[in-house]
Amino acid sequence: MKKTIIAASLPVVLSLLTLSVPVCYKPGSVLAAPAQLFGRDSKEDKTRLLTGKVLDASDNPLPNAVVYLTNTHTRAVKTYIVGEDGAYRFPALQPSIDYEVYAQYNNRKSGTKTVSQFDDRSQVYISLKINPKAETK
């Protein structure tokens, strides 16, 4: 009697298993789960880009300003010297890490801004403003 119940229920169990597990299989290929289960495949989706401009109080670009980008996990620092348009660019940033960015120009420093790992944008734009030196009277 036990053998009959086991033999009769085996096809039911096997059919339920095949219905609940999605599998993509082509003859001659390796079994694999669908790609959407593993996330996105393109490299563009796995990193992000930080761009921006270094500006004075009147929104004029500050050529030759230096932008500092700090990885808050490793404390590694990258620098970028802006051109005539005041623009900077840091590509291939890891989305799971926070970054701090600020600029310096003629011994003056902008405020420090943070690129948060919780910000899910693939491209982040941050303007860095540097106030001119206080005039002496």
N, C-alpha and C. Protein backbone atom coordinates (compact mmCIF):
# COMPACT_ATOMS: atom_id res chain seq x y z
N MET A 1 0.81 -1.19 0.00
CA MET A 1 0.00 0.00 0.00
C MET A 1 0.86 1.26 0.00
N LYS A 2 1.94 1.30 0.79
CA LYS A 2 2.81 2.47 0.85
C LYS A 2 3.48 2.73 -0.49
N LYS A 3 3.90 1.66 -1.17
CA LYS A 3 4.54 1.83 -2.48
C LYS A 3 3.57 2.42 -3.49
N THR A 4 2.32 2.09 -3.42
CA THR A 4 1.32 2.59 -4.34
C THR A 4 1.09 4.09 -4.11
N ILE A 5 1.03 4.53 -2.87
CA ILE A 5 0.81 5.95 -2.56
C ILE A 5 2.01 6.77 -3.01
N ILE A 6 3.22 6.31 -2.75
CA ILE A 6 4.43 7.02 -3.15
C ILE A 6 4.52 7.08 -4.67
N ALA A 7 4.28 5.98 -5.34
CA ALA A 7 4.35 5.94 -6.80
C ALA A 7 3.29 6.82 -7.42
N ALA A 8 2.11 6.89 -6.83
CA ALA A 8 1.02 7.71 -7.37
C ALA A 8 1.27 9.20 -7.12
N SER A 9 1.88 9.56 -6.01
CA SER A 9 2.10 10.97 -5.70
C SER A 9 3.35 11.54 -6.35
N LEU A 10 4.26 10.73 -6.80
CA LEU A 10 5.51 11.21 -7.41
C LEU A 10 5.27 12.07 -8.65
N PRO A 11 4.43 11.68 -9.60
CA PRO A 11 4.18 12.55 -10.75
C PRO A 11 3.57 13.90 -10.37
N VAL A 12 2.72 13.92 -9.35
CA VAL A 12 2.11 15.18 -8.89
C VAL A 12 3.17 16.11 -8.31
N VAL A 13 4.05 15.58 -7.48
CA VAL A 13 5.12 16.38 -6.88
C VAL A 13 6.06 16.93 -7.96
N LEU A 14 6.45 16.11 -8.90
CA LEU A 14 7.35 16.56 -9.97
C LEU A 14 6.70 17.64 -10.82
N SER A 15 5.42 17.52 -11.13
CA SER A 15 4.77 18.54 -11.94
C SER A 15 4.66 19.86 -11.17
N LEU A 16 4.44 19.82 -9.87
CA LEU A 16 4.40 21.04 -9.07
C LEU A 16 5.75 21.72 -9.02
N LEU A 17 6.82 20.95 -8.93
CA LEU A 17 8.17 21.53 -8.92
C LEU A 17 8.49 22.21 -10.23
N THR A 18 8.13 21.63 -11.35
CA THR A 18 8.44 22.25 -12.64
C THR A 18 7.62 23.49 -12.87
N LEU A 19 6.44 23.60 -12.27
CA LEU A 19 5.62 24.80 -12.42
C LEU A 19 6.14 25.96 -11.58
N SER A 20 6.77 25.69 -10.45
CA SER A 20 7.18 26.75 -9.53
C SER A 20 8.59 27.27 -9.77
N VAL A 21 9.41 26.60 -10.57
CA VAL A 21 10.79 27.04 -10.81
C VAL A 21 10.94 27.43 -12.27
N PRO A 22 11.06 28.75 -12.56
CA PRO A 22 11.25 29.15 -13.95
C PRO A 22 12.67 28.84 -14.41
N VAL A 23 12.79 28.18 -15.53
CA VAL A 23 14.09 27.82 -16.06
C VAL A 23 14.10 28.09 -17.55
N CYS A 24 15.17 28.71 -18.03
CA CYS A 24 15.36 28.92 -19.46
C CYS A 24 16.34 27.86 -19.94
N TYR A 25 15.90 27.04 -20.84
CA TYR A 25 16.78 25.97 -21.32
C TYR A 25 16.61 25.80 -22.81
N LYS A 26 17.74 25.76 -23.48
CA LYS A 26 17.77 25.43 -24.90
C LYS A 26 18.60 24.17 -25.02
N PRO A 27 18.18 23.23 -25.87
CA PRO A 27 18.97 22.01 -26.02
C PRO A 27 20.43 22.34 -26.35
N GLY A 28 21.34 21.70 -25.66
CA GLY A 28 22.77 21.92 -25.86
C GLY A 28 23.34 23.06 -25.05
N SER A 29 22.51 23.79 -24.26
CA SER A 29 23.02 24.90 -23.45
C SER A 29 23.01 24.52 -21.98
N VAL A 30 23.63 25.36 -21.18
CA VAL A 30 23.70 25.14 -19.74
C VAL A 30 22.44 25.71 -19.10
N LEU A 31 21.89 25.02 -18.12
CA LEU A 31 20.71 25.53 -17.42
C LEU A 31 21.06 26.80 -16.67
N ALA A 32 20.18 27.80 -16.78
CA ALA A 32 20.40 29.06 -16.08
C ALA A 32 19.06 29.70 -15.78
N ALA A 33 19.01 30.47 -14.72
CA ALA A 33 17.80 31.22 -14.39
C ALA A 33 17.71 32.41 -15.33
N PRO A 34 16.53 32.98 -15.52
CA PRO A 34 16.38 34.13 -16.40
C PRO A 34 17.26 35.29 -15.97
N ALA A 35 17.74 36.07 -16.94
CA ALA A 35 18.67 37.17 -16.66
C ALA A 35 18.08 38.21 -15.71
N GLN A 36 16.76 38.46 -15.78
CA GLN A 36 16.18 39.50 -14.93
C GLN A 36 16.30 39.17 -13.45
N LEU A 37 16.53 37.91 -13.10
CA LEU A 37 16.70 37.56 -11.69
C LEU A 37 18.05 38.01 -11.14
N PHE A 38 19.01 38.22 -11.98
CA PHE A 38 20.35 38.60 -11.54
C PHE A 38 20.61 40.10 -11.65
N GLY A 39 19.67 40.89 -12.10
CA GLY A 39 19.86 42.33 -12.23
C GLY A 39 20.24 42.70 -13.63
N ARG A 40 20.64 43.93 -13.79
CA ARG A 40 20.98 44.44 -15.12
C ARG A 40 22.36 43.98 -15.52
N ASP A 41 22.57 43.82 -16.83
CA ASP A 41 23.84 43.30 -17.32
C ASP A 41 24.79 44.37 -17.83
N SER A 42 24.31 45.53 -18.27
CA SER A 42 25.21 46.49 -18.90
C SER A 42 26.06 47.21 -17.87
N LYS A 43 27.28 47.56 -18.26
CA LYS A 43 28.21 48.23 -17.36
C LYS A 43 27.71 49.62 -16.99
N GLU A 44 26.99 50.26 -17.90
CA GLU A 44 26.49 51.60 -17.64
C GLU A 44 25.57 51.63 -16.41
N ASP A 45 24.85 50.56 -16.19
CA ASP A 45 23.92 50.52 -15.08
C ASP A 45 24.61 50.23 -13.75
N LYS A 46 25.86 49.78 -13.78
CA LYS A 46 26.54 49.40 -12.55
C LYS A 46 27.41 50.51 -11.98
N THR A 47 27.62 51.56 -12.70
CA THR A 47 28.41 52.69 -12.20
C THR A 47 27.61 53.97 -12.43
N ARG A 48 28.12 55.06 -11.86
CA ARG A 48 27.47 56.33 -12.12
C ARG A 48 28.48 57.42 -12.41
N LEU A 49 27.97 58.53 -12.90
CA LEU A 49 28.79 59.63 -13.37
C LEU A 49 28.47 60.88 -12.55
N LEU A 50 29.53 61.54 -12.07
CA LEU A 50 29.38 62.81 -11.37
C LEU A 50 29.93 63.90 -12.26
N THR A 51 29.11 64.91 -12.55
CA THR A 51 29.56 66.07 -13.33
C THR A 51 29.12 67.32 -12.59
N GLY A 52 29.67 68.44 -13.02
CA GLY A 52 29.26 69.70 -12.43
C GLY A 52 30.15 70.83 -12.91
N LYS A 53 30.00 71.98 -12.28
CA LYS A 53 30.80 73.16 -12.60
C LYS A 53 31.26 73.82 -11.31
N VAL A 54 32.41 74.47 -11.39
CA VAL A 54 32.91 75.29 -10.29
C VAL A 54 32.63 76.73 -10.67
N LEU A 55 31.87 77.43 -9.83
CA LEU A 55 31.40 78.77 -10.14
C LEU A 55 31.72 79.75 -9.01
N ASP A 56 31.80 81.04 -9.38
CA ASP A 56 31.94 82.07 -8.35
C ASP A 56 30.56 82.50 -7.89
N ALA A 57 30.48 83.52 -7.04
CA ALA A 57 29.21 83.96 -6.48
C ALA A 57 28.26 84.51 -7.55
N SER A 58 28.79 84.95 -8.69
CA SER A 58 27.97 85.47 -9.79
C SER A 58 27.70 84.42 -10.86
N ASP A 59 27.94 83.17 -10.55
CA ASP A 59 27.74 82.04 -11.47
C ASP A 59 28.66 82.07 -12.69
N ASN A 60 29.84 82.68 -12.55
CA ASN A 60 30.84 82.64 -13.60
C ASN A 60 31.76 81.45 -13.36
N PRO A 61 32.18 80.75 -14.42
CA PRO A 61 33.09 79.61 -14.22
C PRO A 61 34.44 80.06 -13.69
N LEU A 62 35.07 79.20 -12.89
CA LEU A 62 36.39 79.48 -12.35
C LEU A 62 37.40 78.51 -12.98
N PRO A 63 38.03 78.92 -14.09
CA PRO A 63 38.99 78.03 -14.74
C PRO A 63 40.18 77.74 -13.84
N ASN A 64 40.71 76.55 -13.97
CA ASN A 64 41.87 76.06 -13.22
C ASN A 64 41.59 75.80 -11.74
N ALA A 65 40.32 75.79 -11.35
CA ALA A 65 39.98 75.36 -9.99
C ALA A 65 40.24 73.86 -9.90
N VAL A 66 40.51 73.38 -8.70
CA VAL A 66 40.77 71.95 -8.49
C VAL A 66 39.60 71.36 -7.72
N VAL A 67 39.04 70.26 -8.26
CA VAL A 67 37.93 69.56 -7.62
C VAL A 67 38.47 68.30 -6.97
N TYR A 68 38.09 68.08 -5.72
CA TYR A 68 38.54 66.91 -4.96
C TYR A 68 37.34 65.99 -4.73
N LEU A 69 37.51 64.71 -5.06
CA LEU A 69 36.48 63.70 -4.84
C LEU A 69 37.04 62.65 -3.89
N THR A 70 36.38 62.45 -2.75
CA THR A 70 36.84 61.50 -1.74
C THR A 70 35.87 60.33 -1.63
N ASN A 71 36.41 59.11 -1.75
CA ASN A 71 35.66 57.89 -1.50
C ASN A 71 35.59 57.75 0.02
N THR A 72 34.39 57.81 0.60
CA THR A 72 34.27 57.80 2.05
C THR A 72 34.57 56.43 2.66
N HIS A 73 34.58 55.39 1.84
CA HIS A 73 34.88 54.05 2.35
C HIS A 73 36.39 53.84 2.48
N THR A 74 37.13 54.18 1.42
CA THR A 74 38.58 53.95 1.41
C THR A 74 39.38 55.21 1.74
N ARG A 75 38.72 56.38 1.71
CA ARG A 75 39.35 57.69 1.89
C ARG A 75 40.30 58.03 0.74
N ALA A 76 40.23 57.31 -0.38
CA ALA A 76 41.03 57.64 -1.56
C ALA A 76 40.48 58.93 -2.18
N VAL A 77 41.40 59.77 -2.68
CA VAL A 77 41.01 61.06 -3.24
C VAL A 77 41.43 61.13 -4.71
N LYS A 78 40.50 61.59 -5.55
CA LYS A 78 40.79 61.87 -6.96
C LYS A 78 40.65 63.37 -7.15
N THR A 79 41.44 63.93 -8.07
CA THR A 79 41.36 65.36 -8.34
C THR A 79 41.08 65.60 -9.82
N TYR A 80 40.55 66.77 -10.10
CA TYR A 80 40.25 67.17 -11.47
C TYR A 80 40.49 68.67 -11.57
N ILE A 81 41.29 69.10 -12.53
CA ILE A 81 41.52 70.53 -12.77
C ILE A 81 40.57 70.96 -13.87
N VAL A 82 39.68 71.89 -13.56
CA VAL A 82 38.65 72.29 -14.53
C VAL A 82 39.25 73.17 -15.61
N GLY A 83 38.60 73.19 -16.76
CA GLY A 83 39.02 74.01 -17.90
C GLY A 83 38.38 75.38 -17.86
N GLU A 84 38.36 76.03 -19.02
CA GLU A 84 37.82 77.39 -19.13
C GLU A 84 36.34 77.47 -18.79
N ASP A 85 35.61 76.38 -19.03
CA ASP A 85 34.16 76.39 -18.76
C ASP A 85 33.82 76.05 -17.32
N GLY A 86 34.82 75.69 -16.52
CA GLY A 86 34.61 75.38 -15.10
C GLY A 86 34.02 73.99 -14.85
N ALA A 87 33.90 73.18 -15.90
CA ALA A 87 33.25 71.87 -15.77
C ALA A 87 34.23 70.80 -15.27
N TYR A 88 33.69 69.85 -14.51
CA TYR A 88 34.45 68.69 -14.07
C TYR A 88 33.64 67.43 -14.33
N ARG A 89 34.32 66.27 -14.27
CA ARG A 89 33.68 65.00 -14.60
C ARG A 89 34.42 63.86 -13.90
N PHE A 90 33.68 63.05 -13.14
CA PHE A 90 34.21 61.85 -12.50
C PHE A 90 33.34 60.66 -12.93
N PRO A 91 33.81 59.84 -13.89
CA PRO A 91 33.03 58.69 -14.32
C PRO A 91 33.30 57.45 -13.48
N ALA A 92 32.49 56.43 -13.68
CA ALA A 92 32.69 55.08 -13.11
C ALA A 92 32.72 55.06 -11.59
N LEU A 93 31.81 55.80 -10.95
CA LEU A 93 31.72 55.76 -9.49
C LEU A 93 30.84 54.59 -9.07
N GLN A 94 31.21 53.96 -7.98
CA GLN A 94 30.44 52.82 -7.46
C GLN A 94 29.16 53.31 -6.80
N PRO A 95 28.01 52.76 -7.17
CA PRO A 95 26.75 53.24 -6.60
C PRO A 95 26.54 52.87 -5.13
N SER A 96 27.31 51.93 -4.61
CA SER A 96 27.13 51.49 -3.23
C SER A 96 28.05 52.22 -2.25
N ILE A 97 28.69 53.29 -2.71
CA ILE A 97 29.65 54.03 -1.87
C ILE A 97 29.27 55.51 -1.87
N ASP A 98 29.41 56.18 -0.72
CA ASP A 98 29.22 57.62 -0.63
C ASP A 98 30.51 58.32 -1.05
N TYR A 99 30.36 59.47 -1.70
CA TYR A 99 31.51 60.29 -2.11
C TYR A 99 31.30 61.71 -1.61
N GLU A 100 32.41 62.38 -1.28
CA GLU A 100 32.37 63.79 -0.91
C GLU A 100 33.13 64.56 -1.97
N VAL A 101 32.61 65.73 -2.36
CA VAL A 101 33.23 66.52 -3.40
C VAL A 101 33.26 68.00 -2.97
N TYR A 102 34.40 68.64 -3.24
CA TYR A 102 34.53 70.08 -3.01
C TYR A 102 35.57 70.62 -3.98
N ALA A 103 35.64 71.95 -4.07
CA ALA A 103 36.59 72.59 -5.00
C ALA A 103 37.41 73.64 -4.26
N GLN A 104 38.61 73.89 -4.81
CA GLN A 104 39.48 74.95 -4.30
C GLN A 104 39.92 75.83 -5.45
N TYR A 105 39.98 77.14 -5.17
CA TYR A 105 40.44 78.10 -6.18
C TYR A 105 41.07 79.28 -5.44
N ASN A 106 42.35 79.56 -5.74
CA ASN A 106 43.08 80.66 -5.10
C ASN A 106 42.94 80.64 -3.58
N ASN A 107 43.24 79.51 -2.98
CA ASN A 107 43.20 79.32 -1.53
C ASN A 107 41.82 79.50 -0.91
N ARG A 108 40.77 79.44 -1.71
CA ARG A 108 39.38 79.49 -1.22
C ARG A 108 38.74 78.14 -1.51
N LYS A 109 37.83 77.73 -0.65
CA LYS A 109 37.23 76.41 -0.77
C LYS A 109 35.70 76.51 -0.84
N SER A 110 35.11 75.65 -1.66
CA SER A 110 33.65 75.57 -1.70
C SER A 110 33.16 74.74 -0.52
N GLY A 111 31.87 74.68 -0.36
CA GLY A 111 31.30 73.76 0.62
C GLY A 111 31.45 72.33 0.12
N THR A 112 31.48 71.39 1.05
CA THR A 112 31.58 69.97 0.68
C THR A 112 30.19 69.41 0.46
N LYS A 113 30.01 68.74 -0.68
CA LYS A 113 28.74 68.11 -1.03
C LYS A 113 28.93 66.60 -1.00
N THR A 114 27.85 65.87 -0.77
CA THR A 114 27.90 64.41 -0.70
C THR A 114 27.09 63.80 -1.83
N VAL A 115 27.67 62.78 -2.46
CA VAL A 115 26.95 61.94 -3.41
C VAL A 115 26.62 60.68 -2.63
N SER A 116 25.35 60.51 -2.30
CA SER A 116 24.93 59.43 -1.42
C SER A 116 24.68 58.13 -2.17
N GLN A 117 24.99 57.02 -1.51
CA GLN A 117 24.69 55.72 -2.09
C GLN A 117 23.18 55.49 -2.19
N PHE A 118 22.39 56.25 -1.46
CA PHE A 118 20.94 56.12 -1.49
C PHE A 118 20.31 56.92 -2.63
N ASP A 119 21.11 57.74 -3.30
CA ASP A 119 20.66 58.46 -4.49
C ASP A 119 20.82 57.50 -5.67
N ASP A 120 19.74 57.08 -6.28
CA ASP A 120 19.81 56.04 -7.30
C ASP A 120 19.99 56.57 -8.72
N ARG A 121 20.27 57.87 -8.88
CA ARG A 121 20.50 58.41 -10.23
C ARG A 121 21.82 57.88 -10.78
N SER A 122 21.85 57.59 -12.08
CA SER A 122 23.09 57.13 -12.71
C SER A 122 23.99 58.31 -13.07
N GLN A 123 23.42 59.51 -13.19
CA GLN A 123 24.19 60.72 -13.46
C GLN A 123 23.81 61.78 -12.43
N VAL A 124 24.82 62.30 -11.74
CA VAL A 124 24.59 63.30 -10.70
C VAL A 124 25.32 64.57 -11.11
N TYR A 125 24.64 65.73 -11.02
CA TYR A 125 25.22 67.03 -11.34
C TYR A 125 25.27 67.87 -10.07
N ILE A 126 26.46 68.39 -9.75
CA ILE A 126 26.63 69.23 -8.56
C ILE A 126 27.44 70.47 -8.93
N SER A 127 26.87 71.65 -8.69
CA SER A 127 27.60 72.90 -8.85
C SER A 127 28.31 73.21 -7.54
N LEU A 128 29.56 73.62 -7.64
CA LEU A 128 30.35 73.98 -6.47
C LEU A 128 30.65 75.47 -6.54
N LYS A 129 30.18 76.23 -5.55
CA LYS A 129 30.37 77.68 -5.55
C LYS A 129 31.46 78.08 -4.58
N ILE A 130 32.33 78.96 -5.08
CA ILE A 130 33.43 79.48 -4.27
C ILE A 130 33.26 80.98 -4.20
N ASN A 131 33.13 81.52 -2.99
CA ASN A 131 33.02 82.96 -2.82
C ASN A 131 34.39 83.60 -2.96
N PRO A 132 34.44 84.79 -3.56
CA PRO A 132 35.73 85.47 -3.70
C PRO A 132 36.26 85.91 -2.34
N LYS A 133 37.55 86.20 -2.31
CA LYS A 133 38.14 86.68 -1.06
C LYS A 133 37.49 87.97 -0.63
N ALA A 134 37.36 88.14 0.66
CA ALA A 134 36.80 89.37 1.19
C ALA A 134 37.75 90.51 0.87
N GLU A 135 37.18 91.59 0.36
CA GLU A 135 38.02 92.75 0.00
C GLU A 135 38.45 93.49 1.24
N THR A 136 39.71 93.94 1.24
CA THR A 136 40.21 94.74 2.38
C THR A 136 39.98 96.20 2.11
N LYS A 137 39.62 96.95 3.12
CA LYS A 137 39.32 98.38 2.95
C LYS A 137 40.43 99.24 3.45
